[in-house]
Protein backbone atom coordinates (compact mmCIF):
# COMPACT_ATOMS: atom_id res chain seq x y z
CA MET A 1 30.19 19.03 -13.40
CA ALA A 2 33.36 16.96 -13.10
CA ILE A 3 35.36 17.60 -9.95
CA VAL A 4 39.03 16.59 -9.64
CA GLU A 5 40.65 16.58 -6.21
CA VAL A 6 44.05 18.14 -5.52
CA LYS A 7 45.94 16.34 -2.76
CA VAL A 8 49.25 16.69 -0.93
CA PRO A 9 51.94 14.54 -2.61
CA GLN A 10 53.31 11.48 -0.87
CA LEU A 11 55.91 12.48 1.73
CA SER A 12 58.95 10.46 2.76
CA GLU A 13 58.64 7.95 5.59
CA SER A 14 60.48 10.23 8.01
CA VAL A 15 58.28 13.26 7.25
CA SER A 16 54.89 13.38 8.97
CA GLU A 17 53.62 16.80 7.95
CA ALA A 18 54.34 19.81 5.77
CA THR A 19 53.52 23.51 5.52
CA MET A 20 51.57 25.20 2.72
CA LEU A 21 53.60 28.09 1.35
CA GLN A 22 51.68 30.28 -1.09
CA TRP A 23 48.88 29.55 -3.51
CA LYS A 24 49.72 30.68 -7.02
CA VAL A 25 46.03 30.65 -7.99
CA LYS A 26 42.71 31.58 -6.40
CA VAL A 27 39.17 30.27 -6.58
CA GLY A 28 37.73 30.97 -10.02
CA ASP A 29 41.09 30.88 -11.83
CA ALA A 30 41.45 28.66 -14.89
CA VAL A 31 44.40 26.30 -14.75
CA SER A 32 46.07 24.01 -17.25
CA SER A 33 47.10 20.44 -16.60
CA ASP A 34 50.38 20.21 -14.64
CA GLN A 35 50.36 23.93 -13.85
CA ILE A 36 51.96 24.49 -10.43
CA LEU A 37 49.26 25.44 -7.94
CA ILE A 38 51.24 25.74 -4.71
CA GLU A 39 54.55 24.77 -3.10
CA ILE A 40 54.60 22.72 0.09
CA GLU A 41 57.59 22.78 2.44
CA THR A 42 58.66 19.77 4.46
CA ASP A 43 61.62 19.64 6.82
CA LYS A 44 63.71 18.31 3.93
CA VAL A 45 62.51 19.73 0.62
CA VAL A 46 59.97 21.96 -1.08
CA LEU A 47 57.46 20.06 -3.19
CA GLU A 48 55.49 21.50 -6.09
CA VAL A 49 51.84 20.52 -6.38
CA PRO A 50 50.67 20.51 -10.02
CA ALA A 51 47.10 20.62 -11.27
CA PRO A 52 46.00 17.03 -12.00
CA SER A 53 43.92 18.26 -14.95
CA ALA A 54 42.81 21.44 -16.70
CA GLY A 55 39.78 23.31 -15.41
CA VAL A 56 38.75 26.01 -12.97
CA VAL A 57 39.71 26.14 -9.29
CA SER A 58 36.38 25.66 -7.53
CA GLU A 59 37.57 25.37 -3.92
CA ILE A 60 40.68 25.88 -1.81
CA LEU A 61 40.46 23.94 1.45
CA VAL A 62 43.77 24.82 3.15
CA THR A 63 45.08 28.37 3.18
CA ASP A 64 48.67 29.67 3.03
CA GLY A 65 50.69 28.63 6.07
CA GLY A 66 48.46 25.68 6.92
CA THR A 67 49.84 22.36 8.14
CA VAL A 68 49.00 19.31 6.04
CA ILE A 69 49.81 15.59 5.82
CA ALA A 70 50.37 13.26 2.89
CA GLU A 71 47.35 12.67 0.65
CA GLN A 72 45.32 15.39 2.40
CA LEU A 73 42.74 17.09 0.20
CA ILE A 74 43.68 20.75 -0.30
CA ALA A 75 41.67 21.93 -3.32
CA ARG A 76 39.17 20.96 -6.00
CA ILE A 77 39.17 21.69 -9.73
CA ASP A 78 36.02 21.76 -11.87
CA THR A 79 37.06 20.39 -15.26
CA ASP A 80 33.85 21.74 -16.83
CA GLY A 81 33.89 25.09 -15.03
CA LYS A 82 34.04 28.53 -16.54
CA VAL A 83 36.46 31.29 -15.60
CA ALA A 84 34.93 33.78 -13.19
CA ALA A 85 34.81 37.41 -14.30
CA GLY A 86 38.17 39.07 -13.71
CA SER A 87 39.95 35.77 -12.96
CA ALA A 88 43.18 34.81 -14.64
CA SER A 89 43.52 32.39 -17.53
CA PRO A 90 46.08 29.54 -17.35
CA ALA A 91 48.56 31.61 -19.34
CA SER A 92 48.45 34.55 -16.98
CA SER A 93 47.62 33.07 -13.59
CA ALA A 94 51.26 32.69 -12.61
CA SER A 95 51.96 36.35 -13.18
CA SER A 96 48.92 37.34 -11.11
CA ALA A 97 50.17 35.48 -8.04
CA PRO A 98 52.21 37.45 -5.47
CA ALA A 99 55.96 37.32 -5.91
CA ALA A 100 58.53 37.47 -3.11
CA VAL A 101 56.53 40.09 -1.20
CA ALA A 102 53.09 41.54 -1.83
CA PRO A 103 52.90 44.58 -4.15
CA ALA A 104 53.26 47.68 -2.03
CA ALA A 105 53.06 50.67 -4.36
CA SER A 106 50.99 51.52 -7.39
CA SER A 107 54.13 52.79 -9.07
CA ALA A 108 55.74 49.36 -8.96
CA VAL A 109 56.66 47.96 -12.35
CA GLN A 110 54.02 45.47 -13.49
CA ALA A 111 54.99 42.20 -15.14
CA PRO A 112 54.14 42.19 -18.84
CA ALA A 113 51.15 40.06 -19.73
CA SER A 114 53.12 38.32 -22.44
CA SER A 115 55.31 36.51 -19.90
CA SER A 116 53.77 34.56 -17.04
CA MET A 117 57.05 34.54 -15.09
CA ALA A 118 58.11 38.16 -15.70
CA GLY A 119 58.79 39.93 -12.42
CA VAL A 120 58.87 36.71 -10.40
CA ALA A 121 61.94 36.62 -8.16
CA MET A 122 64.18 33.57 -7.99
CA PRO A 123 64.62 32.24 -4.41
CA ALA A 124 68.02 33.85 -3.81
CA ALA A 125 66.78 37.11 -5.34
CA ALA A 126 63.60 37.01 -3.24
CA LYS A 127 65.62 36.63 -0.04
CA LEU A 128 67.92 39.51 -1.02
CA MET A 129 64.90 41.70 -1.84
CA ALA A 130 63.44 40.95 1.56
CA ASP A 131 66.73 41.68 3.31
CA ASN A 132 66.81 45.08 1.59
CA GLN A 133 63.04 45.62 2.01
CA LEU A 134 62.39 45.99 -1.72
CA ALA A 135 58.81 45.66 -2.91
CA ALA A 136 57.80 43.06 -5.50
CA GLY A 137 57.89 44.54 -8.97
CA SER A 138 60.40 47.23 -8.00
CA VAL A 139 63.29 45.30 -9.61
CA ALA A 140 63.35 44.60 -13.34
CA GLY A 141 64.18 40.99 -14.22
CA SER A 142 66.85 40.01 -16.73
CA GLY A 143 66.59 36.26 -16.25
CA LYS A 144 64.72 33.69 -18.34
CA ASP A 145 61.15 34.83 -19.09
CA GLY A 146 61.79 38.05 -17.20
CA ARG A 147 62.56 36.42 -13.83
CA VAL A 148 64.37 38.57 -11.27
CA THR A 149 67.85 37.21 -10.51
CA LYS A 150 70.17 37.87 -7.58
CA GLY A 151 72.31 40.02 -9.88
CA ASP A 152 69.28 42.17 -10.73
CA VAL A 153 68.67 42.84 -7.04
CA LEU A 154 72.33 43.62 -6.34
CA THR A 155 72.30 46.09 -9.23
CA ALA A 156 69.11 47.69 -7.92
CA VAL A 157 70.54 47.99 -4.41
CA ALA A 158 73.77 49.51 -5.74
CA GLY A 159 71.69 51.95 -7.74
CA GLY A 160 69.85 53.15 -4.65
CA ALA A 161 66.53 51.33 -4.98
CA LYS A 162 64.15 52.50 -2.25
CA PRO A 163 62.98 49.95 0.31
CA ALA A 164 59.35 49.24 1.04
CA ALA A 165 58.03 47.83 4.29
CA ILE A 166 57.38 44.11 4.15
CA PRO A 167 53.72 43.47 5.01
CA THR A 168 52.93 40.97 7.72
CA GLY A 169 51.16 37.69 7.23
CA VAL A 170 52.31 37.08 3.64
CA PRO A 171 53.97 33.66 3.37
CA THR A 172 56.01 33.08 0.23
CA SER A 173 57.79 30.20 -1.42
CA SER A 174 61.21 31.56 -0.54
CA LEU A 175 60.74 33.51 2.70
CA PRO A 176 59.30 32.59 6.10
CA GLN A 177 55.97 34.11 7.04
CA VAL A 178 56.31 37.36 8.97
CA SER A 179 54.47 36.82 12.24
CA ALA A 180 54.56 40.37 13.58
CA PRO A 181 55.35 43.84 12.26
CA ALA A 182 58.76 45.28 13.00
CA PRO A 183 58.50 47.39 16.16
CA ASN A 184 59.25 51.10 15.85
CA LEU A 185 62.62 51.34 17.58
CA GLY A 186 64.00 54.30 15.68
CA ASP A 187 67.33 53.34 14.14
CA ARG A 188 67.34 49.90 15.88
CA PRO A 189 64.55 47.95 14.14
CA GLU A 190 63.80 44.29 14.82
CA GLN A 191 61.70 41.73 13.05
CA ARG A 192 60.58 38.35 14.35
CA VAL A 193 59.98 35.51 11.89
CA PRO A 194 59.41 31.80 12.54
CA MET A 195 61.92 29.22 11.36
CA THR A 196 61.05 27.43 8.16
CA ARG A 197 60.51 23.69 8.52
CA LEU A 198 63.85 23.08 6.83
CA ARG A 199 65.71 25.43 9.17
CA ALA A 200 63.99 23.92 12.22
CA ARG A 201 64.88 20.42 11.05
CA VAL A 202 68.52 21.37 10.47
CA ALA A 203 68.66 22.83 13.99
CA GLU A 204 67.11 19.67 15.42
CA ARG A 205 69.54 17.36 13.62
CA LEU A 206 72.59 19.40 14.63
CA LEU A 207 71.57 19.29 18.28
CA GLN A 208 70.84 15.58 17.93
CA SER A 209 74.29 15.02 16.43
CA GLN A 210 76.09 16.84 19.22
CA ALA A 211 74.00 15.13 21.90
CA THR A 212 74.37 11.56 20.60
CA ASN A 213 77.83 11.47 19.00
CA ALA A 214 81.19 11.65 20.75
CA ILE A 215 82.48 14.23 18.27
CA LEU A 216 86.20 14.82 17.94
CA THR A 217 87.97 16.72 15.16
CA THR A 218 91.40 16.13 13.66
CA PHE A 219 93.22 18.57 11.38
CA ASN A 220 95.86 18.56 8.68
CA GLU A 221 97.23 20.93 6.08
CA VAL A 222 97.23 20.10 2.39
CA ASN A 223 99.53 21.56 -0.25
CA MET A 224 97.12 22.19 -3.12
CA ALA A 225 99.82 23.08 -5.67
CA PRO A 226 99.78 19.67 -7.46
CA VAL A 227 95.98 19.74 -7.83
CA MET A 228 96.03 23.36 -8.96
CA GLU A 229 98.70 22.61 -11.56
CA MET A 230 96.82 19.58 -12.88
CA ARG A 231 93.58 21.55 -12.97
CA LYS A 232 95.23 24.41 -14.84
CA LYS A 233 96.78 22.02 -17.35
CA PHE A 234 93.56 20.20 -18.23
CA GLN A 235 90.86 22.78 -17.46
CA GLU A 236 90.33 23.96 -21.03
CA LYS A 237 90.31 20.47 -22.58
CA PHE A 238 88.14 19.13 -19.76
CA GLU A 239 85.49 21.82 -20.23
CA LYS A 240 85.53 21.44 -24.00
CA GLU A 241 85.14 17.67 -23.73
CA HIS A 242 82.57 17.47 -20.95
CA GLY A 243 80.79 20.82 -21.03
CA VAL A 244 81.51 21.55 -17.37
CA LYS A 245 84.37 23.23 -15.52
CA LEU A 246 86.89 21.16 -13.60
CA GLY A 247 86.52 22.31 -10.01
CA PHE A 248 88.20 21.29 -6.78
CA MET A 249 85.21 19.41 -5.36
CA SER A 250 85.70 16.45 -7.68
CA PHE A 251 89.25 16.10 -6.33
CA PHE A 252 87.98 16.33 -2.75
CA VAL A 253 85.32 13.68 -3.42
CA LYS A 254 87.79 11.32 -5.05
CA ALA A 255 90.33 11.81 -2.25
CA ALA A 256 87.63 11.12 0.35
CA VAL A 257 86.54 7.89 -1.38
CA HIS A 258 90.22 6.89 -1.63
CA ALA A 259 90.56 7.25 2.17
CA LEU A 260 87.22 5.57 2.95
CA LYS A 261 88.29 2.49 1.03
CA LYS A 262 91.46 2.27 3.12
CA TYR A 263 89.64 2.87 6.42
CA PRO A 264 86.06 1.53 6.06
CA VAL A 265 85.02 2.55 9.56
CA LEU A 266 85.02 6.18 8.39
CA ASN A 267 82.23 5.17 6.00
CA ALA A 268 80.27 3.30 8.68
CA SER A 269 77.35 4.26 10.92
CA VAL A 270 76.01 3.31 14.33
CA ASP A 271 72.71 1.45 14.67
CA GLY A 272 71.98 0.78 18.32
CA ASN A 273 74.82 -1.42 19.53
CA ASP A 274 75.85 -2.38 16.01
CA ILE A 275 78.33 -0.84 13.60
CA VAL A 276 77.03 -0.89 10.02
CA TYR A 277 79.84 -1.02 7.45
CA HIS A 278 78.61 0.25 4.10
CA GLY A 279 79.93 -1.42 0.97
CA TYR A 280 79.12 1.63 -1.14
CA PHE A 281 80.19 5.27 -1.10
CA ASP A 282 77.34 7.79 -1.05
CA ILE A 283 78.93 11.17 -0.43
CA GLY A 284 76.82 14.04 0.87
CA ILE A 285 77.78 17.50 -0.42
CA ALA A 286 76.71 20.35 1.88
CA VAL A 287 75.04 23.06 -0.21
CA GLY A 288 73.66 26.40 0.95
CA SER A 289 70.17 27.31 -0.29
CA PRO A 290 67.81 30.25 0.32
CA ARG A 291 65.90 28.05 2.77
CA GLY A 292 68.92 26.72 4.65
CA LEU A 293 71.63 24.08 4.49
CA VAL A 294 70.89 20.96 2.47
CA VAL A 295 73.04 17.90 1.81
CA PRO A 296 72.29 16.17 -1.52
CA ILE A 297 73.95 12.82 -2.11
CA LEU A 298 76.43 11.68 -4.76
CA ARG A 299 75.46 8.01 -4.99
CA ASN A 300 78.15 5.46 -5.78
CA ALA A 301 80.73 8.24 -5.94
CA ASP A 302 83.48 5.64 -6.32
CA GLN A 303 82.03 4.71 -9.72
CA MET A 304 81.71 8.30 -10.95
CA SER A 305 84.24 10.02 -13.19
CA PHE A 306 85.54 13.52 -12.44
CA ALA A 307 83.17 14.88 -15.09
CA GLU A 308 80.17 13.05 -13.63
CA VAL A 309 80.96 14.41 -10.16
CA GLU A 310 81.26 17.98 -11.44
CA LYS A 311 78.04 17.74 -13.45
CA LYS A 312 76.10 16.32 -10.53
CA ILE A 313 77.38 18.96 -8.11
CA ALA A 314 76.45 21.69 -10.60
CA GLU A 315 72.99 20.15 -10.91
CA PHE A 316 72.61 20.07 -7.12
CA GLY A 317 73.66 23.71 -6.84
CA LYS A 318 71.10 24.78 -9.45
CA LYS A 319 68.33 22.73 -7.84
CA ALA A 320 69.16 24.10 -4.40
CA SER A 321 69.05 27.72 -5.55
CA GLU A 322 65.68 27.12 -7.19
CA GLY A 323 64.27 25.05 -4.34
CA LYS A 324 63.92 22.02 -6.61
CA LEU A 325 65.85 19.38 -4.65
CA GLY A 326 63.72 16.30 -4.13
CA ILE A 327 63.58 13.95 -1.17
CA GLU A 328 65.35 11.31 -3.25
CA ASP A 329 68.28 13.72 -3.74
CA MET A 330 68.96 13.97 0.00
CA THR A 331 68.07 10.55 1.37
CA GLY A 332 70.89 8.39 2.68
CA GLY A 333 74.59 9.18 2.59
CA THR A 334 77.55 7.46 4.24
CA PHE A 335 80.03 10.38 4.51
CA SER A 336 79.79 14.14 3.95
CA ILE A 337 81.97 16.98 2.70
CA SER A 338 81.40 20.61 3.70
CA ASN A 339 83.29 23.23 1.70
CA GLY A 340 83.39 26.43 3.72
CA GLY A 341 86.22 27.63 1.55
CA VAL A 342 83.82 28.98 -1.06
CA PHE A 343 82.81 31.58 1.54
CA GLY A 344 86.38 32.29 2.63
CA SER A 345 86.52 30.11 5.75
CA MET A 346 90.02 29.39 7.05
CA LEU A 347 89.14 26.67 9.57
CA SER A 348 86.08 25.07 11.14
CA THR A 349 84.94 22.02 13.09
CA PRO A 350 82.08 20.53 11.04
CA ILE A 351 79.23 18.71 12.79
CA ILE A 352 78.54 15.11 11.77
CA ASN A 353 75.41 14.55 9.69
CA PRO A 354 73.64 11.65 11.47
CA PRO A 355 73.53 8.69 11.09
CA GLN A 356 76.93 9.11 9.45
CA SER A 357 80.04 8.88 11.59
CA ALA A 358 82.42 11.33 9.91
CA ILE A 359 82.47 14.53 7.89
CA LEU A 360 85.26 16.37 6.07
CA GLY A 361 85.51 20.15 6.21
CA VAL A 362 87.61 21.86 3.52
CA HIS A 363 88.44 25.54 3.55
CA ALA A 364 89.89 28.41 1.56
CA THR A 365 93.24 27.75 -0.12
CA LYS A 366 95.69 30.53 0.77
CA GLU A 367 99.38 31.09 0.13
CA ARG A 368 101.20 30.39 3.37
CA ALA A 369 104.80 30.07 4.52
CA VAL A 370 105.77 26.45 5.12
CA VAL A 371 109.05 24.67 5.79
CA GLU A 372 110.30 22.18 3.21
CA ASN A 373 113.75 20.57 3.53
CA GLY A 374 114.78 23.19 6.05
CA GLN A 375 113.74 26.09 3.78
CA VAL A 376 110.80 28.47 4.21
CA VAL A 377 108.76 28.45 1.00
CA VAL A 378 105.34 29.73 -0.03
CA ARG A 379 102.72 27.14 -0.91
CA PRO A 380 98.93 27.24 -1.51
CA ILE A 381 97.70 25.57 1.69
CA ASN A 382 94.24 24.31 2.57
CA TYR A 383 93.45 23.31 6.15
CA PHE A 384 91.38 20.12 6.31
CA ALA A 385 89.28 19.21 9.33
CA MET A 386 87.60 15.85 9.84
CA SER A 387 85.07 15.44 12.63
CA TYR A 388 84.33 11.85 13.62
CA ASP A 389 82.29 9.82 16.08
CA HIS A 390 84.81 8.61 18.65
CA ARG A 391 82.42 5.87 19.77
CA ILE A 392 83.39 3.75 16.77
CA ILE A 393 86.28 5.59 15.15
CA ASP A 394 89.58 5.68 17.00
CA GLY A 395 92.04 8.52 16.60
CA ARG A 396 94.35 6.27 14.59
CA GLU A 397 91.80 5.62 11.82
CA ALA A 398 90.70 9.26 11.77
CA VAL A 399 94.22 10.64 11.53
CA LEU A 400 95.37 8.07 8.97
CA GLY A 401 92.21 8.63 6.93
CA LEU A 402 92.87 12.36 6.78
CA VAL A 403 96.51 11.70 5.91
CA ALA A 404 95.36 9.43 3.06
CA MET A 405 93.27 12.31 1.69
CA LYS A 406 96.24 14.67 2.04
CA GLU A 407 98.59 12.28 0.23
CA ALA A 408 96.10 11.73 -2.58
CA LEU A 409 95.75 15.46 -3.20
CA GLU A 410 99.44 16.20 -2.93
CA ASP A 411 100.12 13.43 -5.47
CA PRO A 412 96.92 13.18 -7.59
CA ALA A 413 98.33 10.26 -9.60
CA ARG A 414 97.49 8.11 -6.56
CA LEU A 415 93.82 8.60 -7.43
CA LEU A 416 94.37 7.06 -10.85
CA PHE A 417 96.14 3.99 -9.52
CA ASP A 418 94.24 3.73 -6.22
CA ILE A 419 97.43 3.62 -4.12
């Protein structure tokens, strides 16, 4: 008998422990090398734990929901073992694992044996299924390999899919563990669930930011017509050339870098009694995910082209929706941008992402009446808000920095000539 140990991956220096989400295999199951056995959630990312070699799972030492540390032993694989009667083979073990919620009805549609991922809900779809109390298997998947997408769930809900009670005590890779059944309150039900590690960490950092920073916010309005015209003119050629759409975020990133170069303190951070001026521009992009807000980093954004920025943001969005962002994707950052406009926000006061000292909030662009040369005209206006740490950034630098962003967007040629 040859036993191979399965251990928790190395965590980042700032992460001391993690939570086991849901085993995708059970004792006696045959697994192939690099097959994902379980996902582990830290306060920053969700890590996948692959099988170090092919064999049969002989022992599982930490159950779903358990707390673990780096390099902790969590399971053993017998490389010479035989599959127990009734256990899954490597090709089918993924489909035998529970999906977003445990199967609740015998009439639920079963995933076809020919596809190991058929019936498995993507993170956003799993959350939506839980919100609408839909049982696993009750929604047919149209995604790759039969995966259930968010669109599938929306279609099912619109079509009157019947909800099924979510069982308690079933932790999943995309939903927090339900700690208690929903009390019977007639038409006023409630359900108590614990925060995920990521959500708890976000809450902790936001409180830390407000408690330790002297946060002040300055506002300005930006006429987006020049950017919209430029985008419209080059959108088709840009997409054909680079294989990605030309969005507004690349303009926002470039305008932010333009301002940070003019006013370096906006790109600085506080370390004790010192101000650390960063000679590089790592821009954090706030992205919503099924598990909470994450801020992946565009490293050396000043050296990136518009196409590179758009491709990287698209990659971050895909990773976030699938829970695939790694620790390296979110470590560091000297300045952040939060785009509430994609959700329709008109105005907000963003909270600084420590240890950074400033963050830009952009919002929905709407046609508004403005005065130009004594005449009332209609322009597509976006309200910008920049929150900053008043301990090191004076109002002058904050206001002028935001004005520099405004001027760059209202005359995009400035970005080409860095003026």
